[in-house]
Amino acid sequence: MHADDLFQRHAGELNGYLCRRLDSPEQAADLCHEVYLRLRRLDPPAETLTNPRAFLFRIARNLLIDHLRQQQSRPITVPLGDPHLHLESSAPTPESAASSAQAVDGLRTALTDLPDPVRQALLWNRLDGVSQREIGQRLGVSERMAGKYIARALAHCRALVAALVVVVVVAAALPWSLWTADVRTGAGERRTLTLADGSRVILNGRSAINIDITDQHRRVEVVRGEALFQVASDQAHPFRVRAGDARVRVTGTRFEVRRRDGTVRLTVAEGSVAASDGRRERQLTADQQVHWRDGRLGPVTAVDADAALAWARGRLVFRDRPLGELLADLGPYHPDRLVLLNDALAGQRVSGTFATDQPEAVLSALTRTLPVRVLRLPGVVVLY
């Protein structure tokens, strides 16, 4: 059964279920929309579902839990005995096998604080399933001491690590600003747009923009991700780009605006660009770059624009840059969230040219050339 057909068949029942849980028709309607978006993204083959209705309500239940957790106004659990939730299996799904991105970041911090042997004992035991005896042999300690290492690590990470298993959870719900964006791309998708004024925009994967082009003004908002602009010259109507507190103004040039993880970056490939944060303004020319952090405009630095913008040609070019930056740049192309649990590895220097349409090949190359191991979980890839 196609995702659209499945949703339409049970939409009324689903909305009634969410209305009873939320006591708000407006919130229920919003959550129904979110369920539909998630279902469209997953779109499982019909033959893999023994109970399509239960699959739909399982998605709704997990999104409801996330919603209540964010609101902090209701218990974060929904009774499994609810008559509307006849789950065909107790096996974890991509929805139920994840936590929030904040939990992932907190887990990384907690593990980094542990001594090396204690952290390694926990990772071997909980991620690789290595026995305490073998851990003791690997670390050169007794089996009992290996058990103490694991217990110590679990106690240290109590808020983020369950007693029996490391649970890494990813919040997959999209913010409202992304739902309503004029143009949005998915993981690994690159799209070229021609605007009404003749300007061209190339969107990277996991990116979103809003477009407002009229006879009187030319405005674009970068909601998330990377957008490479080739602006048609029009001296009477400057082309303006906004990304949070960042402001960019040009009349005709080629430049990129990147907005991810609270930071905005401007890279100029051709022409001249004015960058501002509302308090100060800087002029940039070709092969120059500037960042906004916490809304404040930083200094202008030199950059190889051709290498920085290679993603528009399907390549990632790295020249002696940290592994952490490579994984951040690989994120728009991989369908899952990439998490690096070892800060020491994040600083490892990497050089090379990688194809953006082969993210798994990049991970395989990293495991062959660096002391990196990979664990794949639903919705997340953990590197440690």
Protein backbone atom coordinates (compact mmCIF):
# COMPACT_ATOMS: atom_id res chain seq x y z
CA MET A 1 0.00 0.00 0.00
CA HIS A 2 1.42 3.39 -1.02
CA ALA A 3 2.10 5.91 1.74
CA ASP A 4 -0.54 8.34 0.45
CA ASP A 5 -3.18 5.62 0.32
CA LEU A 6 -2.30 4.36 3.79
CA PHE A 7 -2.50 7.84 5.31
CA GLN A 8 -5.77 8.76 3.60
CA ARG A 9 -7.42 5.51 4.67
CA HIS A 10 -6.73 6.15 8.36
CA ALA A 11 -6.47 9.97 8.49
CA GLY A 12 -9.80 10.47 10.30
CA GLU A 13 -9.06 7.80 12.89
CA LEU A 14 -5.52 9.12 13.36
CA ASN A 15 -6.70 12.69 13.87
CA GLY A 16 -9.27 11.52 16.45
CA TYR A 17 -6.58 9.61 18.34
CA LEU A 18 -4.26 12.65 18.44
CA CYS A 19 -7.12 15.00 19.42
CA ARG A 20 -7.88 12.81 22.44
CA ARG A 21 -4.24 12.80 23.47
CA LEU A 22 -3.53 16.49 22.94
CA ASP A 23 -6.91 18.11 23.71
CA SER A 24 -6.13 20.53 20.90
CA PRO A 25 -7.47 20.13 17.35
CA GLU A 26 -4.83 22.55 16.04
CA GLN A 27 -1.93 20.61 17.55
CA ALA A 28 -3.47 17.33 16.42
CA ALA A 29 -3.70 18.62 12.84
CA ASP A 30 -0.06 19.74 12.93
CA LEU A 31 1.04 16.36 14.26
CA CYS A 32 -1.04 14.59 11.59
CA HIS A 33 0.88 16.57 9.01
CA GLU A 34 4.16 15.51 10.62
CA VAL A 35 3.06 11.87 10.59
CA TYR A 36 2.29 12.17 6.89
CA LEU A 37 5.71 13.68 6.13
CA ARG A 38 7.46 10.94 8.09
CA LEU A 39 5.41 8.24 6.36
CA ARG A 40 6.24 9.69 2.93
CA ARG A 41 9.92 9.72 3.79
CA LEU A 42 9.92 6.11 4.98
CA ASP A 43 7.39 4.80 2.41
CA PRO A 44 8.01 1.10 3.23
CA PRO A 45 7.16 -1.52 0.59
CA ALA A 46 3.71 -2.96 1.23
CA GLU A 47 5.00 -6.50 1.30
CA THR A 48 7.18 -5.74 4.33
CA LEU A 49 4.22 -4.67 6.50
CA THR A 50 1.98 -7.26 8.08
CA ASN A 51 -0.16 -4.53 9.63
CA PRO A 52 0.08 -1.17 7.78
CA ARG A 53 -2.36 0.53 10.16
CA ALA A 54 -0.28 -0.41 13.18
CA PHE A 55 2.83 0.88 11.41
CA LEU A 56 1.12 4.24 10.86
CA PHE A 57 0.00 4.49 14.51
CA ARG A 58 3.47 3.51 15.70
CA ILE A 59 4.90 6.52 13.86
CA ALA A 60 2.17 8.70 15.38
CA ARG A 61 2.86 7.40 18.88
CA ASN A 62 6.58 8.15 18.70
CA LEU A 63 6.03 11.62 17.26
CA LEU A 64 3.48 12.23 20.00
CA ILE A 65 6.06 11.27 22.62
CA ASP A 66 8.57 13.69 21.08
CA HIS A 67 5.93 16.44 21.03
CA LEU A 68 5.00 15.94 24.68
CA ARG A 69 8.63 15.85 25.71
CA GLN A 70 9.26 19.17 23.96
CA GLN A 71 6.18 20.75 25.50
CA GLN A 72 7.16 19.45 28.97
CA SER A 73 3.53 19.72 29.89
CA ARG A 74 2.54 16.06 29.72
CA PRO A 75 4.06 12.74 30.71
CA ILE A 76 6.51 11.62 28.03
CA THR A 77 5.01 8.13 27.83
CA VAL A 78 1.93 6.95 26.03
CA PRO A 79 0.31 3.72 27.31
CA LEU A 80 1.20 0.78 25.11
CA GLY A 81 -2.15 -0.72 26.02
CA ASP A 82 -4.01 1.96 24.08
CA PRO A 83 -6.59 0.17 21.88
CA HIS A 84 -5.50 2.20 18.87
CA LEU A 85 -1.96 0.86 19.02
CA HIS A 86 -2.02 -2.76 17.96
CA LEU A 87 1.65 -3.15 17.11
CA GLU A 88 2.46 -6.16 14.99
CA SER A 89 5.91 -6.57 16.54
CA SER A 90 7.87 -5.52 19.60
CA ALA A 91 11.00 -5.08 17.50
CA PRO A 92 12.38 -1.52 17.44
CA THR A 93 11.60 0.63 14.42
CA PRO A 94 13.50 3.62 13.03
CA GLU A 95 11.10 5.76 15.08
CA SER A 96 11.41 3.97 18.42
CA ALA A 97 15.15 3.31 18.20
CA ALA A 98 16.26 6.92 18.64
CA SER A 99 16.63 9.81 21.20
CA SER A 100 17.12 13.53 20.62
CA ALA A 101 20.11 15.16 18.93
CA GLN A 102 20.79 16.86 22.27
CA ALA A 103 21.09 13.46 23.92
CA VAL A 104 23.62 12.43 21.29
CA ASP A 105 25.70 15.53 21.97
CA GLY A 106 25.42 14.98 25.71
CA LEU A 107 26.49 11.36 25.35
CA ARG A 108 29.53 12.40 23.36
CA THR A 109 30.50 14.88 26.07
CA ALA A 110 29.97 12.35 28.85
CA LEU A 111 32.10 9.72 27.12
CA THR A 112 34.87 12.22 26.41
CA ASP A 113 35.14 12.97 30.14
CA LEU A 114 35.89 9.32 30.95
CA PRO A 115 39.43 7.92 31.18
CA ASP A 116 40.45 6.08 28.00
CA PRO A 117 40.26 2.50 29.37
CA VAL A 118 36.90 3.14 31.04
CA ARG A 119 35.39 4.67 27.89
CA GLN A 120 36.81 1.91 25.70
CA ALA A 121 35.46 -0.80 27.99
CA LEU A 122 31.95 0.65 27.72
CA LEU A 123 32.11 1.02 23.94
CA TRP A 124 33.41 -2.51 23.44
CA ASN A 125 30.79 -3.97 25.73
CA ARG A 126 27.72 -1.99 24.73
CA LEU A 127 28.43 -1.32 21.05
CA ASP A 128 30.41 -4.41 20.01
CA GLY A 129 29.05 -6.92 22.51
CA VAL A 130 32.51 -7.89 23.77
CA SER A 131 32.46 -9.89 27.01
CA GLN A 132 34.00 -8.59 30.21
CA ARG A 133 36.59 -11.37 30.09
CA GLU A 134 37.78 -10.39 26.62
CA ILE A 135 37.74 -6.70 27.56
CA GLY A 136 39.98 -7.52 30.50
CA GLN A 137 42.37 -9.34 28.19
CA ARG A 138 42.46 -6.45 25.74
CA LEU A 139 43.12 -3.88 28.47
CA GLY A 140 45.46 -6.07 30.51
CA VAL A 141 43.24 -6.09 33.61
CA SER A 142 41.15 -8.71 35.39
CA GLU A 143 37.61 -9.60 34.32
CA ARG A 144 36.37 -8.10 37.57
CA MET A 145 38.18 -4.82 36.91
CA ALA A 146 36.70 -4.69 33.38
CA GLY A 147 33.27 -5.00 34.97
CA LYS A 148 34.08 -2.12 37.29
CA TYR A 149 35.13 -0.01 34.31
CA ILE A 150 31.80 -0.64 32.63
CA ALA A 151 29.84 0.05 35.80
CA ARG A 152 31.74 3.29 36.34
CA ALA A 153 31.05 4.43 32.79
CA LEU A 154 27.36 3.61 33.09
CA ALA A 155 27.11 5.52 36.34
CA HIS A 156 28.85 8.52 34.77
CA CYS A 157 26.46 8.50 31.80
CA ARG A 158 23.38 7.53 33.83
CA ALA A 159 21.16 10.19 32.31
CA LEU A 160 22.07 9.21 28.76
CA VAL A 161 22.99 5.51 28.84
CA ALA A 162 20.45 2.85 29.76
CA ALA A 163 21.44 0.06 32.13
CA LEU A 164 21.75 -2.54 29.40
CA VAL A 165 22.42 -0.72 26.15
CA VAL A 166 23.66 2.59 24.80
CA VAL A 167 20.58 4.18 23.27
CA VAL A 168 21.26 6.75 20.61
CA VAL A 169 18.11 8.57 19.56
CA VAL A 170 17.66 11.05 16.73
CA ALA A 171 14.90 13.62 16.58
CA ALA A 172 13.71 13.34 13.01
CA ALA A 173 10.84 15.82 13.16
CA LEU A 174 11.47 18.88 10.99
CA PRO A 175 11.11 22.39 12.44
CA TRP A 176 8.16 24.38 11.13
CA SER A 177 10.45 26.75 9.21
CA LEU A 178 11.62 23.79 7.12
CA TRP A 179 8.10 22.45 6.52
CA THR A 180 7.03 25.78 5.08
CA ALA A 181 10.18 26.56 3.07
CA ASP A 182 9.58 27.38 -0.59
CA VAL A 183 12.22 24.89 -1.73
CA ARG A 184 13.74 22.04 0.28
CA THR A 185 16.15 19.24 -0.63
CA GLY A 186 16.66 15.86 0.98
CA ALA A 187 19.84 13.97 1.83
CA GLY A 188 22.07 13.57 -1.22
CA GLU A 189 19.85 15.79 -3.39
CA ARG A 190 21.30 18.73 -5.31
CA ARG A 191 18.90 21.07 -7.12
CA THR A 192 19.43 24.00 -9.52
CA LEU A 193 16.82 26.76 -9.68
CA THR A 194 16.42 29.69 -12.05
CA LEU A 195 14.72 32.61 -10.29
CA ALA A 196 12.30 35.10 -11.83
CA ASP A 197 15.06 37.72 -12.26
CA GLY A 198 17.32 35.28 -14.12
CA SER A 199 19.58 34.52 -11.15
CA ARG A 200 20.50 30.88 -10.54
CA VAL A 201 20.69 29.02 -7.22
CA ILE A 202 22.22 25.61 -6.57
CA LEU A 203 20.95 23.97 -3.37
CA ASN A 204 23.00 21.36 -1.56
CA GLY A 205 21.51 18.33 0.19
CA ARG A 206 19.41 18.91 3.34
CA SER A 207 18.97 22.57 2.43
CA ALA A 208 15.98 24.92 2.33
CA ILE A 209 15.33 28.46 1.11
CA ASN A 210 12.50 30.97 0.82
CA ILE A 211 12.27 33.08 -2.34
CA ASP A 212 10.76 36.56 -2.70
CA ILE A 213 11.50 38.02 -6.16
CA THR A 214 9.32 40.88 -7.48
CA ASP A 215 9.70 43.88 -9.76
CA GLN A 216 10.54 45.98 -6.68
CA HIS A 217 12.95 43.75 -4.74
CA ARG A 218 15.02 40.56 -4.78
CA ARG A 219 15.19 38.62 -1.50
CA VAL A 220 16.12 35.07 -0.51
CA GLU A 221 16.25 33.51 2.95
CA VAL A 222 18.53 30.54 3.60
CA VAL A 223 16.65 28.48 6.18
CA ARG A 224 19.19 25.65 6.33
CA GLY A 225 22.11 24.24 4.40
CA GLU A 226 24.09 25.60 1.48
CA ALA A 227 22.97 27.77 -1.41
CA LEU A 228 25.30 28.85 -4.22
CA PHE A 229 24.08 32.01 -5.97
CA GLN A 230 24.90 33.27 -9.48
CA VAL A 231 23.17 36.65 -9.33
CA ALA A 232 21.90 38.40 -12.45
CA SER A 233 23.18 41.97 -12.58
CA ASP A 234 20.64 44.66 -11.66
CA GLN A 235 22.13 47.83 -10.20
CA ALA A 236 18.71 49.27 -9.34
CA HIS A 237 17.59 46.26 -7.31
CA PRO A 238 20.27 44.75 -5.04
CA PHE A 239 20.02 41.02 -4.38
CA ARG A 240 19.66 40.42 -0.64
CA VAL A 241 20.16 37.15 1.25
CA ARG A 242 19.23 36.61 4.88
CA ALA A 243 20.27 33.69 7.12
CA GLY A 244 19.31 34.33 10.73
CA ASP A 245 21.14 37.49 11.78
CA ALA A 246 23.40 37.36 8.72
CA ARG A 247 22.74 39.81 5.89
CA VAL A 248 24.29 39.72 2.40
CA ARG A 249 23.83 42.34 -0.33
CA VAL A 250 25.05 42.21 -3.94
CA THR A 251 24.07 43.50 -7.39
CA GLY A 252 25.68 40.77 -9.50
CA THR A 253 28.18 38.14 -8.42
CA ARG A 254 28.73 34.49 -7.47
CA PHE A 255 28.81 33.45 -3.81
CA GLU A 256 27.67 30.79 -1.35
CA VAL A 257 25.77 31.15 1.92
CA ARG A 258 25.91 28.23 4.33
CA ARG A 259 23.74 27.97 7.45
CA ARG A 260 24.21 24.96 9.76
CA ASP A 261 24.45 24.31 13.50
CA GLY A 262 23.93 27.93 14.48
CA THR A 263 26.74 29.25 12.25
CA VAL A 264 26.48 31.12 8.95
CA ARG A 265 29.29 31.25 6.42
CA LEU A 266 29.70 33.42 3.32
CA THR A 267 32.16 32.40 0.59
CA VAL A 268 32.71 34.68 -2.42
CA ALA A 269 33.77 33.17 -5.75
CA GLU A 270 33.33 36.20 -8.02
CA GLY A 271 32.60 39.91 -7.69
CA SER A 272 32.06 41.95 -4.54
CA VAL A 273 29.67 41.20 -1.65
CA ALA A 274 28.61 43.25 1.38
CA ALA A 275 28.18 41.26 4.59
CA SER A 276 26.49 42.62 7.73
CA ASP A 277 25.10 41.60 11.11
CA GLY A 278 23.07 44.78 11.60
CA ARG A 279 25.87 46.50 13.56
CA ARG A 280 28.92 46.25 11.31
CA GLU A 281 29.50 45.66 7.60
CA ARG A 282 32.40 44.16 5.67
CA GLN A 283 33.17 44.03 1.95
CA LEU A 284 34.36 40.73 0.50
CA THR A 285 35.83 39.91 -2.92
CA ALA A 286 36.73 36.67 -4.70
CA ASP A 287 38.41 33.95 -2.61
CA GLN A 288 37.37 35.52 0.69
CA GLN A 289 35.17 34.13 3.43
CA VAL A 290 33.49 35.29 6.64
CA HIS A 291 31.50 33.61 9.42
CA TRP A 292 28.67 34.75 11.68
CA ARG A 293 28.72 33.06 15.09
CA ASP A 294 26.02 33.79 17.65
CA GLY A 295 24.79 36.46 15.24
CA ARG A 296 28.09 38.37 15.25
CA LEU A 297 30.06 38.98 12.06
CA GLY A 298 33.65 37.74 12.25
CA PRO A 299 36.81 38.78 10.41
CA VAL A 300 37.34 38.25 6.69
CA THR A 301 39.74 35.41 5.81
CA ALA A 302 41.29 34.09 2.61
CA VAL A 303 39.90 30.83 1.16
CA ASP A 304 40.20 28.65 -1.90
CA ALA A 305 36.67 29.25 -3.15
CA ASP A 306 36.96 26.62 -5.87
CA ALA A 307 37.67 23.93 -3.26
CA ALA A 308 35.11 25.25 -0.77
CA LEU A 309 32.36 25.22 -3.41
CA ALA A 310 33.31 21.89 -5.02
CA TRP A 311 30.09 20.38 -3.59
CA ALA A 312 28.22 22.13 -6.42
CA ARG A 313 30.18 19.86 -8.81
CA GLY A 314 29.53 16.74 -6.75
CA ARG A 315 32.85 16.74 -4.90
CA LEU A 316 34.17 17.38 -1.40
CA VAL A 317 37.75 18.67 -1.45
CA PHE A 318 39.74 18.52 1.79
CA ARG A 319 43.28 19.73 2.25
CA ASP A 320 44.66 18.98 5.71
CA ARG A 321 41.37 19.64 7.50
CA PRO A 322 40.00 17.99 10.68
CA LEU A 323 37.98 14.79 10.45
CA GLY A 324 35.18 16.49 12.37
CA GLU A 325 34.79 19.03 9.56
CA LEU A 326 34.74 16.30 6.94
CA LEU A 327 31.91 14.50 8.73
CA ALA A 328 29.98 17.77 9.09
CA ASP A 329 30.34 18.38 5.34
CA LEU A 330 29.39 14.76 4.58
CA GLY A 331 26.15 15.10 6.58
CA PRO A 332 24.04 16.60 3.76
CA TYR A 333 24.68 13.52 1.60
CA HIS A 334 24.20 10.67 4.07
CA PRO A 335 20.63 9.56 4.87
CA ASP A 336 21.49 9.07 8.55
CA ARG A 337 22.91 11.37 11.24
CA LEU A 338 26.69 11.01 11.60
CA VAL A 339 27.98 11.11 15.19
CA LEU A 340 31.64 11.08 16.21
CA LEU A 341 32.07 10.02 19.83
CA ASN A 342 35.82 10.60 20.09
CA ASP A 343 37.02 14.21 20.24
CA ALA A 344 40.61 13.09 19.71
CA LEU A 345 39.62 11.60 16.36
CA ALA A 346 37.78 14.79 15.44
CA GLY A 347 41.13 16.55 15.23
CA GLN A 348 42.74 14.00 12.90
CA ARG A 349 43.84 15.75 9.70
CA VAL A 350 42.33 14.55 6.44
CA SER A 351 43.15 15.28 2.80
CA GLY A 352 41.46 14.02 -0.33
CA THR A 353 38.70 14.46 -2.87
CA PHE A 354 35.46 12.58 -2.27
CA ALA A 355 32.35 12.04 -4.39
CA THR A 356 29.24 13.41 -2.68
CA ASP A 357 27.03 10.69 -4.19
CA GLN A 358 29.04 7.95 -2.46
CA PRO A 359 28.91 8.79 1.27
CA GLU A 360 29.32 5.15 2.30
CA ALA A 361 32.51 4.92 0.25
CA VAL A 362 33.86 7.90 2.19
CA LEU A 363 33.14 6.17 5.51
CA SER A 364 34.79 2.98 4.25
CA ALA A 365 37.89 4.94 3.22
CA LEU A 366 38.05 6.52 6.69
CA THR A 367 37.94 3.15 8.44
CA ARG A 368 40.79 1.91 6.24
CA THR A 369 43.07 4.91 6.74
CA LEU A 370 42.25 6.09 10.28
CA PRO A 371 41.71 4.32 13.63
CA VAL A 372 37.95 4.74 13.23
CA ARG A 373 35.25 2.14 13.80
CA VAL A 374 31.67 2.44 12.58
CA LEU A 375 28.45 1.26 14.22
CA ARG A 376 25.20 1.59 12.29
CA LEU A 377 21.97 2.07 14.23
CA PRO A 378 18.51 3.05 12.96
CA GLY A 379 18.77 6.64 11.79
CA VAL A 380 22.34 7.17 13.02
CA VAL A 381 25.92 6.14 12.19
CA VAL A 382 28.26 6.22 15.19
CA LEU A 383 32.00 6.60 14.63
CA TYR A 384 34.33 5.90 17.53
